[in-house]
Amino acid sequence: MLETLSEKGLVTEEEEYGVWADLNKCIYFARSLSLQGIEGEGHITFREAFPIPVRAYCKPKYVNPNETVIFD
């Protein structure tokens, strides 16, 4: 799931984005998106350099593999 946040941190949009066969890979990519605001070198956060207010998380569910693209 991918949530777009307002400047105040409120959810403005929620979208299901991608289906992963491996929950660990889903968590890896969700964490990468959600933690992009962590302070980096020079004390500049990615969120300051590239303001992309998103939060991502994984939600296990069954999908029909014949009708859905599933990422490995």
C-alpha atoms as a PDB file:
ATOM      1  CA  MET A   1       0.000   0.000   0.000  1.00  0.00           C
ATOM      2  CA  LEU A   2       1.225   3.480  -0.795  1.00  0.00           C
ATOM      3  CA  GLU A   3      -0.132   6.494   1.053  1.00  0.00           C
ATOM      4  CA  THR A   4       0.401  10.058  -0.102  1.00  0.00           C
ATOM      5  CA  LEU A   5       0.592  12.503   2.793  1.00  0.00           C
ATOM      6  CA  SER A   6      -0.265  16.178   3.148  1.00  0.00           C
ATOM      7  CA  GLU A   7       2.191  18.698   4.585  1.00  0.00           C
ATOM      8  CA  LYS A   8       0.618  18.063   8.001  1.00  0.00           C
ATOM      9  CA  GLY A   9       1.146  14.300   7.660  1.00  0.00           C
ATOM     10  CA  LEU A  10      -2.482  13.390   6.940  1.00  0.00           C
ATOM     11  CA  VAL A  11      -3.281  10.734   4.335  1.00  0.00           C
ATOM     12  CA  THR A  12      -4.620  12.367   1.169  1.00  0.00           C
ATOM     13  CA  GLU A  13      -4.575   9.297  -1.065  1.00  0.00           C
ATOM     14  CA  GLU A  14      -4.167   5.546  -0.612  1.00  0.00           C
ATOM     15  CA  GLU A  15      -3.309   3.225  -3.480  1.00  0.00           C
ATOM     16  CA  GLU A  16      -2.428  -0.433  -3.820  1.00  0.00           C
ATOM     17  CA  TYR A  17       0.830  -0.543  -5.706  1.00  0.00           C
ATOM     18  CA  GLY A  18       2.365  -3.827  -6.778  1.00  0.00           C
ATOM     19  CA  VAL A  19       1.914  -7.371  -5.561  1.00  0.00           C
ATOM     20  CA  TRP A  20       4.973  -9.247  -4.324  1.00  0.00           C
ATOM     21  CA  ALA A  21       5.357 -13.028  -4.074  1.00  0.00           C
ATOM     22  CA  ASP A  22       7.843 -12.656  -1.205  1.00  0.00           C
ATOM     23  CA  LEU A  23       6.754 -10.621   1.835  1.00  0.00           C
ATOM     24  CA  ASN A  24      10.394  -9.867   2.718  1.00  0.00           C
ATOM     25  CA  LYS A  25      10.938  -8.186  -0.664  1.00  0.00           C
ATOM     26  CA  CYS A  26       7.743  -6.193  -0.219  1.00  0.00           C
ATOM     27  CA  ILE A  27       8.942  -5.014   3.189  1.00  0.00           C
ATOM     28  CA  TYR A  28      12.341  -4.079   1.735  1.00  0.00           C
ATOM     29  CA  PHE A  29      10.808  -1.793  -0.890  1.00  0.00           C
ATOM     30  CA  ALA A  30       8.194  -0.387   1.497  1.00  0.00           C
ATOM     31  CA  ARG A  31      10.925   0.522   3.997  1.00  0.00           C
ATOM     32  CA  SER A  32      13.037   2.087   1.246  1.00  0.00           C
ATOM     33  CA  LEU A  33      10.158   4.366   0.274  1.00  0.00           C
ATOM     34  CA  SER A  34       9.082   5.168   3.821  1.00  0.00           C
ATOM     35  CA  LEU A  35      12.578   5.875   5.163  1.00  0.00           C
ATOM     36  CA  GLN A  36      13.697   8.129   2.333  1.00  0.00           C
ATOM     37  CA  GLY A  37      13.392  11.074   4.732  1.00  0.00           C
ATOM     38  CA  ILE A  38      16.110   9.768   7.071  1.00  0.00           C
ATOM     39  CA  GLU A  39      19.012  12.180   7.489  1.00  0.00           C
ATOM     40  CA  GLY A  40      21.892  11.526   5.122  1.00  0.00           C
ATOM     41  CA  GLU A  41      25.307  13.051   4.580  1.00  0.00           C
ATOM     42  CA  GLY A  42      25.597  16.756   5.298  1.00  0.00           C
ATOM     43  CA  HIS A  43      22.539  16.611   7.545  1.00  0.00           C
ATOM     44  CA  ILE A  44      20.255  17.031   4.525  1.00  0.00           C
ATOM     45  CA  THR A  45      17.364  14.613   4.381  1.00  0.00           C
ATOM     46  CA  PHE A  46      16.125  13.181   1.124  1.00  0.00           C
ATOM     47  CA  ARG A  47      12.722  14.594   2.038  1.00  0.00           C
ATOM     48  CA  GLU A  48      14.231  18.101   2.125  1.00  0.00           C
ATOM     49  CA  ALA A  49      16.046  17.614  -1.161  1.00  0.00           C
ATOM     50  CA  PHE A  50      13.161  15.803  -2.877  1.00  0.00           C
ATOM     51  CA  PRO A  51       9.841  16.474  -1.119  1.00  0.00           C
ATOM     52  CA  ILE A  52       7.955  13.233  -1.766  1.00  0.00           C
ATOM     53  CA  PRO A  53       5.587  12.767   1.179  1.00  0.00           C
ATOM     54  CA  VAL A  54       4.762   9.072   1.034  1.00  0.00           C
ATOM     55  CA  ARG A  55       4.431   6.149   3.411  1.00  0.00           C
ATOM     56  CA  ALA A  56       4.455   2.543   2.219  1.00  0.00           C
ATOM     57  CA  TYR A  57       3.538  -0.702   3.939  1.00  0.00           C
ATOM     58  CA  CYS A  58       2.719  -4.291   3.025  1.00  0.00           C
ATOM     59  CA  LYS A  59      -0.712  -5.843   3.343  1.00  0.00           C
ATOM     60  CA  PRO A  60      -0.864  -9.631   2.850  1.00  0.00           C
ATOM     61  CA  LYS A  61      -3.766 -10.815   0.706  1.00  0.00           C
ATOM     62  CA  TYR A  62      -4.613 -13.500  -1.809  1.00  0.00           C
ATOM     63  CA  VAL A  63      -4.795 -12.558  -5.480  1.00  0.00           C
ATOM     64  CA  ASN A  64      -5.523 -14.651  -8.554  1.00  0.00           C
ATOM     65  CA  PRO A  65      -2.143 -15.123 -10.302  1.00  0.00           C
ATOM     66  CA  ASN A  66      -3.922 -15.470 -13.661  1.00  0.00           C
ATOM     67  CA  GLU A  67      -5.369 -11.949 -13.344  1.00  0.00           C
ATOM     68  CA  THR A  68      -2.646 -10.119 -11.404  1.00  0.00           C
ATOM     69  CA  VAL A  69       0.987  -9.287 -12.119  1.00  0.00           C
ATOM     70  CA  ILE A  70       3.053 -10.651  -9.231  1.00  0.00           C
ATOM     71  CA  PHE A  71       6.616  -9.396  -8.765  1.00  0.00           C
ATOM     72  CA  ASP A  72       9.320 -11.875  -7.720  1.00  0.00           C
END
